Amino acid sequence: MEVVDELGETCDLEVLVLVDTSASMTNKLPTVQEALIDLSISMNARIGRSRFAVYQFPGRKNRFTFW
């Protein structure tokens, strides 16, 4: 169990988050934004290197936001 815990904190992570920004999700987007901020904080607190990208759909073609 200790090995798994250590790997979870030290391995490199690359995460792609897909966010549905259609009209049906409009009232849920503030919650999504909070969750992404929490994800960013958690990933920055890790020992291992990590990065993530957020892609919204539907949206303009090839529009990526990197954090």
PDB file of N, CA and C in Angstrom:
ATOM      1  N   MET A   1       0.822  -1.190   0.000  1.00  0.00           N
ATOM      2  CA  MET A   1       0.000   0.000   0.000  1.00  0.00           C
ATOM      3  C   MET A   1       0.871   1.260   0.000  1.00  0.00           C
ATOM      4  N   GLU A   2       1.964   1.217   0.730  1.00  0.00           N
ATOM      5  CA  GLU A   2       2.853   2.378   0.789  1.00  0.00           C
ATOM      6  C   GLU A   2       3.441   2.690  -0.585  1.00  0.00           C
ATOM      7  N   VAL A   3       3.774   1.647  -1.343  1.00  0.00           N
ATOM      8  CA  VAL A   3       4.332   1.831  -2.685  1.00  0.00           C
ATOM      9  C   VAL A   3       3.318   2.527  -3.581  1.00  0.00           C
ATOM     10  N   VAL A   4       2.076   2.109  -3.524  1.00  0.00           N
ATOM     11  CA  VAL A   4       1.021   2.716  -4.339  1.00  0.00           C
ATOM     12  C   VAL A   4       0.833   4.183  -3.942  1.00  0.00           C
ATOM     13  N   ASP A   5       0.801   4.460  -2.645  1.00  0.00           N
ATOM     14  CA  ASP A   5       0.666   5.846  -2.184  1.00  0.00           C
ATOM     15  C   ASP A   5       1.821   6.705  -2.670  1.00  0.00           C
ATOM     16  N   GLU A   6       3.042   6.174  -2.580  1.00  0.00           N
ATOM     17  CA  GLU A   6       4.212   6.934  -3.021  1.00  0.00           C
ATOM     18  C   GLU A   6       4.172   7.186  -4.520  1.00  0.00           C
ATOM     19  N   LEU A   7       3.812   6.176  -5.292  1.00  0.00           N
ATOM     20  CA  LEU A   7       3.710   6.356  -6.744  1.00  0.00           C
ATOM     21  C   LEU A   7       2.665   7.413  -7.098  1.00  0.00           C
ATOM     22  N   GLY A   8       1.556   7.421  -6.375  1.00  0.00           N
ATOM     23  CA  GLY A   8       0.507   8.410  -6.631  1.00  0.00           C
ATOM     24  C   GLY A   8       0.979   9.833  -6.406  1.00  0.00           C
ATOM     25  N   GLU A   9       1.937  10.002  -5.532  1.00  0.00           N
ATOM     26  CA  GLU A   9       2.452  11.342  -5.237  1.00  0.00           C
ATOM     27  C   GLU A   9       3.670  11.726  -6.059  1.00  0.00           C
ATOM     28  N   THR A  10       4.396  10.736  -6.582  1.00  0.00           N
ATOM     29  CA  THR A  10       5.674  11.051  -7.215  1.00  0.00           C
ATOM     30  C   THR A  10       5.701  10.854  -8.724  1.00  0.00           C
ATOM     31  N   CYS A  11       4.774  10.088  -9.289  1.00  0.00           N
ATOM     32  CA  CYS A  11       4.816   9.851 -10.740  1.00  0.00           C
ATOM     33  C   CYS A  11       4.389  11.112 -11.490  1.00  0.00           C
ATOM     34  N   ASP A  12       4.837  11.225 -12.716  1.00  0.00           N
ATOM     35  CA  ASP A  12       4.458  12.353 -13.559  1.00  0.00           C
ATOM     36  C   ASP A  12       3.039  12.123 -14.076  1.00  0.00           C
ATOM     37  N   LEU A  13       2.255  13.191 -14.096  1.00  0.00           N
ATOM     38  CA  LEU A  13       0.874  13.108 -14.562  1.00  0.00           C
ATOM     39  C   LEU A  13       0.623  14.091 -15.698  1.00  0.00           C
ATOM     40  N   GLU A  14      -0.126  13.652 -16.671  1.00  0.00           N
ATOM     41  CA  GLU A  14      -0.639  14.520 -17.725  1.00  0.00           C
ATOM     42  C   GLU A  14      -2.132  14.236 -17.812  1.00  0.00           C
ATOM     43  N   VAL A  15      -2.945  15.261 -17.600  1.00  0.00           N
ATOM     44  CA  VAL A  15      -4.392  15.094 -17.527  1.00  0.00           C
ATOM     45  C   VAL A  15      -5.059  16.028 -18.529  1.00  0.00           C
ATOM     46  N   LEU A  16      -6.017  15.492 -19.268  1.00  0.00           N
ATOM     47  CA  LEU A  16      -6.841  16.300 -20.163  1.00  0.00           C
ATOM     48  C   LEU A  16      -8.256  16.276 -19.614  1.00  0.00           C
ATOM     49  N   VAL A  17      -8.813  17.464 -19.347  1.00  0.00           N
ATOM     50  CA  VAL A  17     -10.163  17.580 -18.824  1.00  0.00           C
ATOM     51  C   VAL A  17     -11.050  18.125 -19.935  1.00  0.00           C
ATOM     52  N   LEU A  18     -12.126  17.404 -20.239  1.00  0.00           N
ATOM     53  CA  LEU A  18     -13.090  17.841 -21.238  1.00  0.00           C
ATOM     54  C   LEU A  18     -14.285  18.439 -20.508  1.00  0.00           C
ATOM     55  N   VAL A  19     -14.643  19.679 -20.858  1.00  0.00           N
ATOM     56  CA  VAL A  19     -15.740  20.373 -20.188  1.00  0.00           C
ATOM     57  C   VAL A  19     -16.847  20.648 -21.193  1.00  0.00           C
ATOM     58  N   ASP A  20     -18.035  20.157 -20.884  1.00  0.00           N
ATOM     59  CA  ASP A  20     -19.220  20.395 -21.705  1.00  0.00           C
ATOM     60  C   ASP A  20     -19.734  21.799 -21.397  1.00  0.00           C
ATOM     61  N   THR A  21     -19.672  22.692 -22.365  1.00  0.00           N
ATOM     62  CA  THR A  21     -20.126  24.073 -22.177  1.00  0.00           C
ATOM     63  C   THR A  21     -21.394  24.368 -22.959  1.00  0.00           C
ATOM     64  N   SER A  22     -22.149  23.317 -23.259  1.00  0.00           N
ATOM     65  CA  SER A  22     -23.403  23.517 -23.982  1.00  0.00           C
ATOM     66  C   SER A  22     -24.417  24.216 -23.078  1.00  0.00           C
ATOM     67  N   ALA A  23     -25.498  24.658 -23.668  1.00  0.00           N
ATOM     68  CA  ALA A  23     -26.515  25.421 -22.940  1.00  0.00           C
ATOM     69  C   ALA A  23     -27.060  24.667 -21.727  1.00  0.00           C
ATOM     70  N   SER A  24     -27.171  23.356 -21.830  1.00  0.00           N
ATOM     71  CA  SER A  24     -27.712  22.576 -20.705  1.00  0.00           C
ATOM     72  C   SER A  24     -26.785  22.566 -19.495  1.00  0.00           C
ATOM     73  N   MET A  25     -25.542  22.945 -19.669  1.00  0.00           N
ATOM     74  CA  MET A  25     -24.575  22.947 -18.575  1.00  0.00           C
ATOM     75  C   MET A  25     -24.331  24.333 -17.980  1.00  0.00           C
ATOM     76  N   THR A  26     -24.971  25.348 -18.516  1.00  0.00           N
ATOM     77  CA  THR A  26     -24.690  26.732 -18.121  1.00  0.00           C
ATOM     78  C   THR A  26     -24.733  26.934 -16.610  1.00  0.00           C
ATOM     79  N   ASN A  27     -25.767  26.422 -15.949  1.00  0.00           N
ATOM     80  CA  ASN A  27     -25.880  26.652 -14.503  1.00  0.00           C
ATOM     81  C   ASN A  27     -24.894  25.810 -13.693  1.00  0.00           C
ATOM     82  N   LYS A  28     -24.243  24.848 -14.312  1.00  0.00           N
ATOM     83  CA  LYS A  28     -23.285  23.984 -13.615  1.00  0.00           C
ATOM     84  C   LYS A  28     -21.841  24.431 -13.801  1.00  0.00           C
ATOM     85  N   LEU A  29     -21.599  25.378 -14.684  1.00  0.00           N
ATOM     86  CA  LEU A  29     -20.219  25.779 -14.987  1.00  0.00           C
ATOM     87  C   LEU A  29     -19.484  26.396 -13.800  1.00  0.00           C
ATOM     88  N   PRO A  30     -20.138  27.158 -12.906  1.00  0.00           N
ATOM     89  CA  PRO A  30     -19.395  27.637 -11.724  1.00  0.00           C
ATOM     90  C   PRO A  30     -18.865  26.492 -10.861  1.00  0.00           C
ATOM     91  N   THR A  31     -19.621  25.413 -10.754  1.00  0.00           N
ATOM     92  CA  THR A  31     -19.167  24.246  -9.996  1.00  0.00           C
ATOM     93  C   THR A  31     -17.990  23.581 -10.695  1.00  0.00           C
ATOM     94  N   VAL A  32     -18.055  23.510 -12.007  1.00  0.00           N
ATOM     95  CA  VAL A  32     -16.955  22.946 -12.794  1.00  0.00           C
ATOM     96  C   VAL A  32     -15.693  23.783 -12.587  1.00  0.00           C
ATOM     97  N   GLN A  33     -15.845  25.098 -12.611  1.00  0.00           N
ATOM     98  CA  GLN A  33     -14.700  25.986 -12.419  1.00  0.00           C
ATOM     99  C   GLN A  33     -14.067  25.754 -11.045  1.00  0.00           C
ATOM    100  N   GLU A  34     -14.876  25.641 -10.009  1.00  0.00           N
ATOM    101  CA  GLU A  34     -14.348  25.371  -8.669  1.00  0.00           C
ATOM    102  C   GLU A  34     -13.601  24.044  -8.627  1.00  0.00           C
ATOM    103  N   ALA A  35     -14.160  23.030  -9.280  1.00  0.00           N
ATOM    104  CA  ALA A  35     -13.519  21.722  -9.305  1.00  0.00           C
ATOM    105  C   ALA A  35     -12.170  21.781 -10.022  1.00  0.00           C
ATOM    106  N   LEU A  36     -12.096  22.558 -11.098  1.00  0.00           N
ATOM    107  CA  LEU A  36     -10.825  22.692 -11.823  1.00  0.00           C
ATOM    108  C   LEU A  36      -9.788  23.422 -10.984  1.00  0.00           C
ATOM    109  N   ILE A  37     -10.211  24.396 -10.224  1.00  0.00           N
ATOM    110  CA  ILE A  37      -9.283  25.100  -9.327  1.00  0.00           C
ATOM    111  C   ILE A  37      -8.780  24.137  -8.255  1.00  0.00           C
ATOM    112  N   ASP A  38      -9.681  23.338  -7.688  1.00  0.00           N
ATOM    113  CA  ASP A  38      -9.276  22.340  -6.690  1.00  0.00           C
ATOM    114  C   ASP A  38      -8.304  21.323  -7.290  1.00  0.00           C
ATOM    115  N   LEU A  39      -8.578  20.902  -8.524  1.00  0.00           N
ATOM    116  CA  LEU A  39      -7.678  19.975  -9.210  1.00  0.00           C
ATOM    117  C   LEU A  39      -6.297  20.595  -9.371  1.00  0.00           C
ATOM    118  N   SER A  40      -6.249  21.845  -9.758  1.00  0.00           N
ATOM    119  CA  SER A  40      -4.980  22.542  -9.943  1.00  0.00           C
ATOM    120  C   SER A  40      -4.191  22.599  -8.629  1.00  0.00           C
ATOM    121  N   ILE A  41      -4.880  22.921  -7.558  1.00  0.00           N
ATOM    122  CA  ILE A  41      -4.224  22.995  -6.244  1.00  0.00           C
ATOM    123  C   ILE A  41      -3.678  21.624  -5.850  1.00  0.00           C
ATOM    124  N   SER A  42      -4.488  20.585  -6.045  1.00  0.00           N
ATOM    125  CA  SER A  42      -4.052  19.231  -5.689  1.00  0.00           C
ATOM    126  C   SER A  42      -2.853  18.790  -6.522  1.00  0.00           C
ATOM    127  N   MET A  43      -2.883  19.101  -7.796  1.00  0.00           N
ATOM    128  CA  MET A  43      -1.779  18.696  -8.661  1.00  0.00           C
ATOM    129  C   MET A  43      -0.507  19.462  -8.324  1.00  0.00           C
ATOM    130  N   ASN A  44      -0.643  20.725  -7.955  1.00  0.00           N
ATOM    131  CA  ASN A  44       0.536  21.510  -7.575  1.00  0.00           C
ATOM    132  C   ASN A  44       1.120  21.074  -6.240  1.00  0.00           C
ATOM    133  N   ALA A  45       0.317  20.460  -5.389  1.00  0.00           N
ATOM    134  CA  ALA A  45       0.786  20.006  -4.073  1.00  0.00           C
ATOM    135  C   ALA A  45       1.552  18.687  -4.154  1.00  0.00           C
ATOM    136  N   ARG A  46       1.466  18.001  -5.269  1.00  0.00           N
ATOM    137  CA  ARG A  46       2.147  16.727  -5.438  1.00  0.00           C
ATOM    138  C   ARG A  46       3.654  16.922  -5.559  1.00  0.00           C
ATOM    139  N   ILE A  47       4.382  15.880  -5.279  1.00  0.00           N
ATOM    140  CA  ILE A  47       5.838  15.910  -5.434  1.00  0.00           C
ATOM    141  C   ILE A  47       6.208  15.724  -6.902  1.00  0.00           C
ATOM    142  N   GLY A  48       5.511  14.835  -7.589  1.00  0.00           N
ATOM    143  CA  GLY A  48       5.797  14.566  -9.003  1.00  0.00           C
ATOM    144  C   GLY A  48       5.363  15.717  -9.901  1.00  0.00           C
ATOM    145  N   ARG A  49       5.949  15.729 -11.095  1.00  0.00           N
ATOM    146  CA  ARG A  49       5.569  16.753 -12.063  1.00  0.00           C
ATOM    147  C   ARG A  49       4.169  16.455 -12.592  1.00  0.00           C
ATOM    148  N   SER A  50       3.415  17.498 -12.836  1.00  0.00           N
ATOM    149  CA  SER A  50       2.080  17.293 -13.388  1.00  0.00           C
ATOM    150  C   SER A  50       1.685  18.506 -14.210  1.00  0.00           C
ATOM    151  N   ARG A  51       0.845  18.231 -15.178  1.00  0.00           N
ATOM    152  CA  ARG A  51       0.282  19.309 -15.975  1.00  0.00           C
ATOM    153  C   ARG A  51      -1.069  18.839 -16.493  1.00  0.00           C
ATOM    154  N   PHE A  52      -1.923  19.820 -16.748  1.00  0.00           N
ATOM    155  CA  PHE A  52      -3.209  19.444 -17.302  1.00  0.00           C
ATOM    156  C   PHE A  52      -3.686  20.506 -18.265  1.00  0.00           C
ATOM    157  N   ALA A  53      -4.552  20.069 -19.146  1.00  0.00           N
ATOM    158  CA  ALA A  53      -5.144  20.954 -20.141  1.00  0.00           C
ATOM    159  C   ALA A  53      -6.655  20.825 -20.019  1.00  0.00           C
ATOM    160  N   VAL A  54      -7.333  21.912 -20.331  1.00  0.00           N
ATOM    161  CA  VAL A  54      -8.793  21.924 -20.315  1.00  0.00           C
ATOM    162  C   VAL A  54      -9.262  22.227 -21.726  1.00  0.00           C
ATOM    163  N   TYR A  55     -10.156  21.382 -22.222  1.00  0.00           N
ATOM    164  CA  TYR A  55     -10.733  21.574 -23.547  1.00  0.00           C
ATOM    165  C   TYR A  55     -12.235  21.691 -23.379  1.00  0.00           C
ATOM    166  N   GLN A  56     -12.796  22.745 -23.940  1.00  0.00           N
ATOM    167  CA  GLN A  56     -14.240  22.927 -23.843  1.00  0.00           C
ATOM    168  C   GLN A  56     -14.920  22.545 -25.141  1.00  0.00           C
ATOM    169  N   PHE A  57     -16.095  21.969 -25.012  1.00  0.00           N
ATOM    170  CA  PHE A  57     -16.880  21.618 -26.184  1.00  0.00           C
ATOM    171  C   PHE A  57     -18.341  21.832 -25.852  1.00  0.00           C
ATOM    172  N   PRO A  58     -19.222  22.146 -26.728  1.00  0.00           N
ATOM    173  CA  PRO A  58     -18.854  22.606 -28.066  1.00  0.00           C
ATOM    174  C   PRO A  58     -18.154  23.955 -27.957  1.00  0.00           C
ATOM    175  N   GLY A  59     -17.342  24.232 -28.908  1.00  0.00           N
ATOM    176  CA  GLY A  59     -16.590  25.477 -28.897  1.00  0.00           C
ATOM    177  C   GLY A  59     -15.908  25.681 -30.219  1.00  0.00           C
ATOM    178  N   ARG A  60     -15.110  26.722 -30.269  1.00  0.00           N
ATOM    179  CA  ARG A  60     -14.367  26.981 -31.496  1.00  0.00           C
ATOM    180  C   ARG A  60     -13.337  25.892 -31.724  1.00  0.00           C
ATOM    181  N   LYS A  61     -13.060  25.600 -32.984  1.00  0.00           N
ATOM    182  CA  LYS A  61     -12.091  24.562 -33.327  1.00  0.00           C
ATOM    183  C   LYS A  61     -10.717  24.887 -32.761  1.00  0.00           C
ATOM    184  N   ASN A  62     -10.046  23.840 -32.289  1.00  0.00           N
ATOM    185  CA  ASN A  62      -8.653  23.927 -31.828  1.00  0.00           C
ATOM    186  C   ASN A  62      -8.442  24.929 -30.705  1.00  0.00           C
ATOM    187  N   ARG A  63      -9.432  25.143 -29.874  1.00  0.00           N
ATOM    188  CA  ARG A  63      -9.255  26.078 -28.770  1.00  0.00           C
ATOM    189  C   ARG A  63      -8.909  25.296 -27.506  1.00  0.00           C
ATOM    190  N   PHE A  64      -7.684  25.416 -27.051  1.00  0.00           N
ATOM    191  CA  PHE A  64      -7.217  24.742 -25.851  1.00  0.00           C
ATOM    192  C   PHE A  64      -6.826  25.792 -24.823  1.00  0.00           C
ATOM    193  N   THR A  65      -7.041  25.489 -23.558  1.00  0.00           N
ATOM    194  CA  THR A  65      -6.586  26.331 -22.473  1.00  0.00           C
ATOM    195  C   THR A  65      -5.666  25.478 -21.617  1.00  0.00           C
ATOM    196  N   PHE A  66      -4.415  25.890 -21.494  1.00  0.00           N
ATOM    197  CA  PHE A  66      -3.453  25.138 -20.681  1.00  0.00           C
ATOM    198  C   PHE A  66      -3.234  25.847 -19.377  1.00  0.00           C
ATOM    199  N   TRP A  67      -3.231  25.059 -18.271  1.00  0.00           N
ATOM    200  CA  TRP A  67      -2.981  25.607 -16.949  1.00  0.00           C
ATOM    201  C   TRP A  67      -1.708  25.046 -16.416  1.00  0.00           C
TER     202      TRP A  67
END
